[in-house]
Amino acid sequence: MGRNMHEKIIDYTELAHYHMKLAHIMKNHKQYKTAFFLCHSALISMIRALYIYEHKAEFGTEISLIDLLLLIHTDYNPGLEVVVFVGELNFIVNGEGQELEVIRDEDMKRVMRRMTEVLEELCWRMGM
């Protein structure tokens, strides 16, 4: 893999980790909506890194759920649970003007815990 592609993978991975750090700060200040959007941004950054890692090229602005399933699927890890999680986050974040419902502290903790697991799993897939 070329140096430039490797640097982009590292940049996207670091960006995902920065988004999660900010999400934790926002959660601690009870800014759940902001934390939720930061979790989504972290996930998108990590998916971009994985896409570059797998395909040695960048994708455009959007990736379909089918493409995402093909990207995350392996013989050892079907990845369907991760794809469903990504799909749910996308649906909520891109809810066409609908306001997020009230987010409770326990719910936000669950989302952030799952986000951390997914990011770790995707990092592991890239050998990071």
Protein backbone atom coordinates (compact mmCIF):
# COMPACT_ATOMS: atom_id res chain seq x y z
CA MET A 1 0.00 0.00 0.00
CA GLY A 2 1.32 3.41 -0.91
CA ARG A 3 2.50 5.81 1.75
CA ASN A 4 -0.25 8.29 0.89
CA MET A 5 -3.02 5.70 1.36
CA HIS A 6 -1.46 4.51 4.62
CA GLU A 7 -1.35 8.13 5.87
CA LYS A 8 -5.02 8.58 5.00
CA ILE A 9 -5.91 5.45 6.95
CA ILE A 10 -4.03 6.74 9.97
CA ASP A 11 -5.61 10.19 9.60
CA TYR A 12 -9.15 8.77 9.46
CA THR A 13 -8.43 6.45 12.39
CA GLU A 14 -7.07 9.30 14.50
CA LEU A 15 -10.04 11.46 13.52
CA ALA A 16 -12.39 8.72 14.73
CA HIS A 17 -10.58 8.59 18.07
CA TYR A 18 -10.71 12.40 18.43
CA HIS A 19 -14.44 12.35 17.71
CA MET A 20 -14.92 9.74 20.43
CA LYS A 21 -12.86 11.75 22.93
CA LEU A 22 -15.06 14.76 22.21
CA ALA A 23 -18.18 12.58 22.45
CA HIS A 24 -17.12 11.48 25.95
CA ILE A 25 -16.56 15.10 26.97
CA MET A 26 -19.98 16.09 25.62
CA LYS A 27 -21.63 13.12 27.38
CA ASN A 28 -20.01 14.14 30.66
CA HIS A 29 -21.57 17.60 30.19
CA LYS A 30 -24.97 16.06 29.41
CA GLN A 31 -24.77 17.22 25.79
CA TYR A 32 -26.15 13.91 24.53
CA LYS A 33 -27.30 15.05 21.11
CA THR A 34 -23.84 16.43 20.31
CA ALA A 35 -22.21 13.29 21.69
CA PHE A 36 -24.48 11.15 19.52
CA PHE A 37 -23.52 13.06 16.36
CA LEU A 38 -19.83 12.82 17.28
CA CYS A 39 -20.19 9.05 17.65
CA HIS A 40 -21.70 8.93 14.18
CA SER A 41 -18.81 11.02 12.80
CA ALA A 42 -16.30 8.69 14.46
CA LEU A 43 -17.95 5.70 12.86
CA ILE A 44 -17.96 7.29 9.40
CA SER A 45 -14.25 8.15 9.74
CA MET A 46 -13.42 4.57 10.71
CA ILE A 47 -15.47 3.18 7.83
CA ARG A 48 -13.56 5.46 5.44
CA ALA A 49 -10.28 4.12 6.86
CA LEU A 50 -11.46 0.53 6.46
CA TYR A 51 -12.62 1.18 2.90
CA ILE A 52 -9.21 2.61 1.96
CA TYR A 53 -7.51 -0.32 3.67
CA GLU A 54 -9.62 -2.91 1.84
CA HIS A 55 -9.89 -1.27 -1.61
CA LYS A 56 -6.75 0.89 -1.79
CA ALA A 57 -8.98 3.79 -2.90
CA GLU A 58 -11.33 6.32 -1.34
CA PHE A 59 -15.07 6.27 -1.76
CA GLY A 60 -17.24 9.29 -2.48
CA THR A 61 -19.49 11.06 -0.04
CA GLU A 62 -21.93 8.19 0.57
CA ILE A 63 -21.67 4.44 1.01
CA SER A 64 -24.75 2.26 0.72
CA LEU A 65 -25.68 -0.28 3.37
CA ILE A 66 -25.10 -3.05 0.81
CA ASP A 67 -21.57 -1.77 0.13
CA LEU A 68 -21.05 -1.45 3.87
CA LEU A 69 -22.14 -5.03 4.46
CA LEU A 70 -19.75 -6.23 1.74
CA LEU A 71 -16.96 -4.16 3.30
CA ILE A 72 -17.49 -5.38 6.86
CA HIS A 73 -18.36 -9.00 6.01
CA THR A 74 -15.61 -11.59 6.33
CA ASP A 75 -15.66 -15.37 6.48
CA TYR A 76 -15.03 -15.18 10.22
CA ASN A 77 -17.22 -12.18 11.03
CA PRO A 78 -20.46 -11.71 9.13
CA GLY A 79 -20.61 -8.12 10.39
CA LEU A 80 -24.39 -7.88 10.11
CA GLU A 81 -24.71 -6.56 13.67
CA VAL A 82 -22.24 -3.76 12.89
CA VAL A 83 -24.08 -2.91 9.67
CA VAL A 84 -27.40 -2.76 11.53
CA PHE A 85 -25.81 -0.49 14.14
CA VAL A 86 -24.42 1.78 11.41
CA GLY A 87 -27.78 1.81 9.64
CA GLU A 88 -29.59 2.78 12.83
CA LEU A 89 -27.14 5.59 13.53
CA ASN A 90 -27.45 6.86 9.95
CA PHE A 91 -31.24 6.74 10.14
CA ILE A 92 -31.32 8.69 13.39
CA VAL A 93 -28.68 11.25 12.38
CA ASN A 94 -30.13 11.81 8.89
CA GLY A 95 -33.73 11.87 10.12
CA GLU A 96 -34.84 14.58 7.65
CA GLY A 97 -35.59 17.34 10.11
CA GLN A 98 -36.91 15.12 12.85
CA GLU A 99 -35.57 16.07 16.24
CA LEU A 100 -33.87 13.38 18.30
CA GLU A 101 -36.01 12.11 21.12
CA VAL A 102 -34.85 12.80 24.63
CA ILE A 103 -31.72 10.76 25.19
CA ARG A 104 -31.26 9.32 28.63
CA ASP A 105 -27.89 8.88 30.29
CA GLU A 106 -28.16 5.07 30.27
CA ASP A 107 -28.98 5.07 26.55
CA MET A 108 -26.04 7.32 25.72
CA LYS A 109 -23.71 5.11 27.76
CA ARG A 110 -24.91 2.06 25.80
CA VAL A 111 -24.40 3.81 22.46
CA MET A 112 -20.91 4.93 23.41
CA ARG A 113 -19.98 1.50 24.75
CA ARG A 114 -21.14 -0.12 21.49
CA MET A 115 -19.32 2.55 19.46
CA THR A 116 -16.10 1.78 21.30
CA GLU A 117 -16.52 -1.95 20.59
CA VAL A 118 -17.21 -1.33 16.89
CA LEU A 119 -14.24 1.02 16.51
CA GLU A 120 -11.95 -1.50 18.23
CA GLU A 121 -13.23 -4.26 15.96
CA LEU A 122 -12.62 -2.18 12.83
CA CYS A 123 -9.15 -1.18 14.04
CA TRP A 124 -8.35 -4.83 14.63
CA ARG A 125 -9.45 -5.62 11.06
CA MET A 126 -6.86 -3.12 9.79
CA GLY A 127 -4.13 -4.44 12.09
CA MET A 128 -4.04 -1.28 14.18
